[in-house]
Amino acid sequence: MLEGVMDDVVEPAADDLQLPRVLAALAEPNRLATVQYVARAGESCCSEVIQEAGLAMTKSTFSHHLRILREAGVLTKRIQGTKGYTTLRKDDLDRRFPGLIDAIIDAENQDPSIERSRDSASSVTPS
């Protein structure tokens, strides 16, 4: 870890990945869009993911979502200088849950409700 960069997220080892945690992390439309974007694009700068995946959220909100995905073992993060880069843990997920991530990535092209769900999730205002 780089000096001055705080990152207290514990990413589980591949053998410790739990299906309920993975599925719960992927159940939120913005997190699902994040994973689908990173799966297509490969390792990506966090600010690039927000912009290119069309996520209407602040950096702090994205950091919260990224933390949930990392704690579930779906994504990993690498810090270089002042930038964070995120990568899908596809090999680990495939080893533990064969076919799961491919099915989720493929579902993006088959389910138009994903885009509508993500749009409605980002337009919800607190009461």
Protein backbone atom coordinates (compact mmCIF):
# COMPACT_ATOMS: atom_id res chain seq x y z
CA MET A 1 0.00 0.00 0.00
CA LEU A 2 1.23 3.48 -0.80
CA GLU A 3 2.06 5.82 2.04
CA GLY A 4 -0.69 8.38 2.57
CA VAL A 5 -3.34 6.32 0.78
CA MET A 6 -5.87 4.77 3.10
CA ASP A 7 -7.67 1.66 1.92
CA ASP A 8 -9.20 -0.46 4.65
CA VAL A 9 -11.38 -2.67 2.43
CA VAL A 10 -10.82 -6.36 2.98
CA GLU A 11 -11.26 -8.28 -0.27
CA PRO A 12 -11.99 -11.96 0.38
CA ALA A 13 -9.73 -14.70 -0.92
CA ALA A 14 -11.15 -16.65 -3.87
CA ASP A 15 -12.01 -19.64 -1.66
CA ASP A 16 -13.91 -17.36 0.72
CA LEU A 17 -16.28 -15.86 -1.87
CA GLN A 18 -19.90 -16.33 -0.78
CA LEU A 19 -22.70 -16.55 -3.35
CA PRO A 20 -25.26 -14.58 -1.27
CA ARG A 21 -22.79 -11.68 -0.85
CA VAL A 22 -21.90 -11.68 -4.56
CA LEU A 23 -25.54 -11.72 -5.61
CA ALA A 24 -26.49 -9.02 -3.08
CA ALA A 25 -23.70 -6.79 -4.37
CA LEU A 26 -24.87 -7.29 -7.96
CA ALA A 27 -28.56 -6.71 -7.12
CA GLU A 28 -28.23 -2.90 -7.14
CA PRO A 29 -28.54 -1.47 -10.69
CA ASN A 30 -25.60 0.96 -10.46
CA ARG A 31 -23.29 -1.73 -9.11
CA LEU A 32 -24.45 -4.11 -11.82
CA ALA A 33 -23.72 -1.45 -14.46
CA THR A 34 -20.27 -0.92 -12.93
CA VAL A 35 -19.44 -4.62 -13.14
CA GLN A 36 -20.77 -4.90 -16.69
CA TYR A 37 -18.70 -1.90 -17.79
CA VAL A 38 -15.49 -3.17 -16.16
CA ALA A 39 -16.10 -6.63 -17.64
CA ARG A 40 -16.25 -5.12 -21.14
CA ALA A 41 -13.52 -2.49 -20.76
CA GLY A 42 -11.03 -4.31 -18.54
CA GLU A 43 -9.10 -2.51 -15.82
CA SER A 44 -10.51 1.00 -15.61
CA CYS A 45 -9.83 4.20 -13.73
CA CYS A 46 -12.64 4.76 -11.25
CA SER A 47 -13.55 8.19 -12.67
CA GLU A 48 -13.73 6.61 -16.14
CA VAL A 49 -16.18 3.98 -14.87
CA ILE A 50 -18.50 6.66 -13.46
CA GLN A 51 -18.52 8.57 -16.75
CA GLU A 52 -18.50 5.75 -19.30
CA ALA A 53 -21.01 3.52 -17.48
CA GLY A 54 -23.39 6.49 -17.29
CA LEU A 55 -23.59 6.53 -13.51
CA ALA A 56 -25.26 9.68 -12.24
CA MET A 57 -23.60 9.81 -8.83
CA THR A 58 -20.92 11.56 -6.84
CA LYS A 59 -17.46 10.10 -6.34
CA SER A 60 -18.27 9.37 -2.70
CA THR A 61 -21.40 7.42 -3.66
CA PHE A 62 -19.42 5.49 -6.27
CA SER A 63 -16.77 4.73 -3.62
CA HIS A 64 -19.49 3.26 -1.41
CA HIS A 65 -20.73 1.03 -4.25
CA LEU A 66 -17.16 0.03 -5.12
CA ARG A 67 -16.53 -0.90 -1.48
CA ILE A 68 -19.55 -3.24 -1.47
CA LEU A 69 -18.39 -4.88 -4.71
CA ARG A 70 -14.87 -5.30 -3.36
CA GLU A 71 -16.00 -6.69 0.01
CA ALA A 72 -18.13 -9.23 -1.88
CA GLY A 73 -15.10 -10.20 -3.98
CA VAL A 74 -16.54 -9.07 -7.32
CA LEU A 75 -14.01 -6.32 -8.05
CA THR A 76 -10.50 -5.51 -6.92
CA LYS A 77 -8.81 -2.12 -6.80
CA ARG A 78 -5.26 -1.07 -7.51
CA ILE A 79 -3.93 2.36 -6.57
CA GLN A 80 -1.33 4.07 -8.72
CA GLY A 81 -0.37 7.57 -7.70
CA THR A 82 -3.58 9.46 -7.02
CA LYS A 83 -5.80 7.24 -9.17
CA GLY A 84 -7.64 4.04 -8.36
CA TYR A 85 -8.09 1.34 -10.99
CA THR A 86 -10.69 -1.37 -10.68
CA THR A 87 -10.71 -4.84 -12.21
CA LEU A 88 -13.26 -7.65 -12.31
CA ARG A 89 -12.12 -10.74 -10.39
CA LYS A 90 -13.41 -12.93 -13.21
CA ASP A 91 -10.96 -15.81 -12.75
CA ASP A 92 -11.72 -16.06 -9.02
CA LEU A 93 -15.47 -15.82 -9.59
CA ASP A 94 -15.39 -18.37 -12.43
CA ARG A 95 -13.43 -20.80 -10.27
CA ARG A 96 -15.88 -20.47 -7.39
CA PHE A 97 -19.15 -20.01 -9.35
CA PRO A 98 -18.65 -21.29 -12.92
CA GLY A 99 -20.68 -19.38 -15.51
CA LEU A 100 -22.17 -16.85 -13.08
CA ILE A 101 -20.34 -13.74 -14.27
CA ASP A 102 -20.71 -14.68 -17.95
CA ALA A 103 -24.47 -15.03 -17.46
CA ILE A 104 -24.64 -11.65 -15.73
CA ILE A 105 -22.60 -9.93 -18.43
CA ASP A 106 -24.64 -11.59 -21.19
CA ALA A 107 -27.90 -10.57 -19.49
CA GLU A 108 -27.04 -6.92 -20.16
CA ASN A 109 -27.72 -7.46 -23.85
CA GLN A 110 -30.95 -9.37 -23.23
CA ASP A 111 -32.73 -7.38 -20.51
CA PRO A 112 -33.84 -3.82 -21.35
CA SER A 113 -35.15 -3.38 -17.79
CA ILE A 114 -31.57 -3.10 -16.51
CA GLU A 115 -31.17 0.37 -18.03
CA ARG A 116 -34.60 1.46 -16.75
CA SER A 117 -33.80 0.15 -13.26
CA ARG A 118 -30.48 1.98 -13.16
CA ASP A 119 -32.14 5.21 -14.32
CA SER A 120 -34.86 4.96 -11.71
CA ALA A 121 -32.36 4.08 -8.96
CA SER A 122 -30.33 7.21 -9.68
CA SER A 123 -33.41 9.46 -9.80
CA VAL A 124 -34.79 8.46 -6.39
CA THR A 125 -34.81 11.42 -4.04
CA PRO A 126 -34.81 11.06 -0.27
CA SER A 127 -37.94 12.24 1.54
